[in-house]
Amino acid sequence: MDILERCDSHQFLVGIHRFKRHLFEYIRNLSSSHKNQSAAMASNSISVLNALDNARTQWYHVTAIVIAGMGFFTDAYDLFCISTVSKLLGRLYYYDPALGKPGKLPHGVNNVVIGVALVGTLSGQLFFGYLGDKFGRKKVYGITLILMASCAICSGLSFGYSPKAVLGTLCFFRFWLGFGIGGDYPLSATIMSEYANKKTRGAFIAAVFAMQGVGIIFAGLVSMIISRVFLGMYGGPAFNDENVFSTEPEADYVWRIVLMIGALPALLTFYWRMKMPETGRYTALIEGNAKQAAADMGRVLDIEINAEQEKVAQFNSANEYQIFSSEFFARHGKHLIGTATTWFLLDIAFYSQNLTQKDIFPVMGLTRDAVKLSALREMFETSRAMFVIALFGTFPGYWFTVAFIEKIGRFYIQLVGFFMMSMFMFIIGVKYDYLKDKDHRWTFAALYGLTFFFANFGPNSTTFVLPAELFPTRVRSTCHALSAASGKAGAMIGAFGIQNYTQDGNVKQIKKAMIILAITNLMGFGFTFLLTETKGRSLEEISGEDAGYGDAQAAGEERRDNWDDTSRNG
């Protein structure tokens, strides 16, 4: 009887133990599922990521915006100031008395002078974007700045006297200038996204990019001031009055000074860029050095952060896939296609607008016909028109994005921006005959300015922000570079293709160009649906890295439970 009682008691205890184990497994699986759905729990268990995501806005955030933003100021200034001097180069080096009109860069030469920096930018984006993931954001960051500053100076020192020699060396240095500029795109975006907290990350990245608008304004402003100073000192007669002397010899200094000034912002921020520590996410999640990441970010945030080396190692083991792996394409392929295509389509329109506006200004009445002006006067009027359009059309859109990106979200800002750009460009294309009349020039200027506004309060900003948020830390810089390089491929289509429709001022050709750009923007609207909203979430939650970490944690707990069961049974 005692034996039977003992057997029953033993079976009862075994049953209780099994029940407890099944109940524990159920609770653990429920917890693991919750981790995967609300992934912030996983990242919050790594102190350095939690500290970055939830940090209050501090002075170091402002410093990071200024340091990264001055790179974009330089980028925009260098890429867009060429539009203000290209007509001057034509009058200086391509005047033919037999034609009876001011000198003008041949189409092929004009496209190369303007587009060669874009080719360099595309190459630099791919090269430095890869290096940013391979060797660290900070290590590569200083190289791009040195390259930009040195090549901006060399662009103004283009050698020789013949058109071929001067423009050949100008194009050589502008290619390498673009190469440095290209590196700044993925590195600045990635650094800012990895420094920022999750509540204001989009606004901070957009603020870095908004310095492009400041750079475009200064490209027009500096060109306007310098040409006006030289005009006051050495101003010549209009072309109609004196064909030869309408091109002032001193104008050869003007374009060189304008290009060389682009080196100043880069040189001024070099020291501070070198003082920035490596991002905590790169140090912890790529280098695997949790102690260094905690020390660096603790010093920046002025708090104490636990190193948690074991948790970081576990996190990394769950996210080791490479960019060309099947796992990457399964997780992020749709987003990469979305960021690349939307940036490609946007830049066809955006760069076409910026690079061809000098050809449309006379139609708006913002500049006079070249034959009525001297070379310096033509540059002054072109620069003034570019400055006005940038100040009232381009510039506000960037800062509207900064103000509203965390309220409206990236997705809807991009969607509405593409749609409005398409609508305004279509109206300009269809009604161009009506709008080019002098009585309607302010309507034309308003429509043209609105396309710039919705480009910048729209896809021109969000296509920069989204690739810095959607992808895992291990490949973030490379994915941003691929997306940005796709954009520059679109910009090259604008520089080498769309410009051919606008250079001669042919009404039918300009109408055709505007309708092509409207269709391009409508396609961008459609491809935006491949993307997802990112506001208010941590980078690890957005990229899915947390889900993998949650699975790794669950697997680790399961191994420990199995070992405990084996020990008890033993």
Foldseek 3Di string as FASTA:
>chain_A
DVVVVVVVVVVVVVVVVVVVVVVVVVVLVVVLVVCLVAVVVLLVVAFLLVCQQPFDDDPVLVVLLLLLLLLLLLLLLQLQLCLLCQQLLQQQAADDVVVLAGGHDPLVLQLLLNQLLLVLLLQLLQVLLVVCLVPHLLVSLLVLLVQLQVLLLQLLVQDDDHSCRRSVSNSVSSSSNSSSSNNSQLSSLQQQQLNHHQFQSLLSSLSSNLSSLVSLLVSLVLLLVLLVVCCVVFNFAFCLVPVNPLSPPCVSNSSSVSSNVSNVSSVVSSVVSNVQDTRLCCCCQPVLFLVVSQVNVCVVSVHHTDSPSVLSVLLNVLPPDDCPDPVNCVQCVLVLVLLQLLLLLLLLQPLLLSSQVLLCCVLLVQAPDRNRHRSSNSSNSSSVVSNVLSVQQANVLSVVCSVCCLPPFQLVLALVLLLLLLVLLLCCLVCVVVCSPNVNSVVVSVSSSPNNNSSNSYDVSSSSNVLSQQADSSSSSNSSSSSNSSNSVSNSCSSSPLSVLRVVPDSNSSSVSSNVSSVSSVVSSVSSVSDDTSRPDRSCSNHSSSSSSSVSVSVVVVVVVVVVVVVVVD
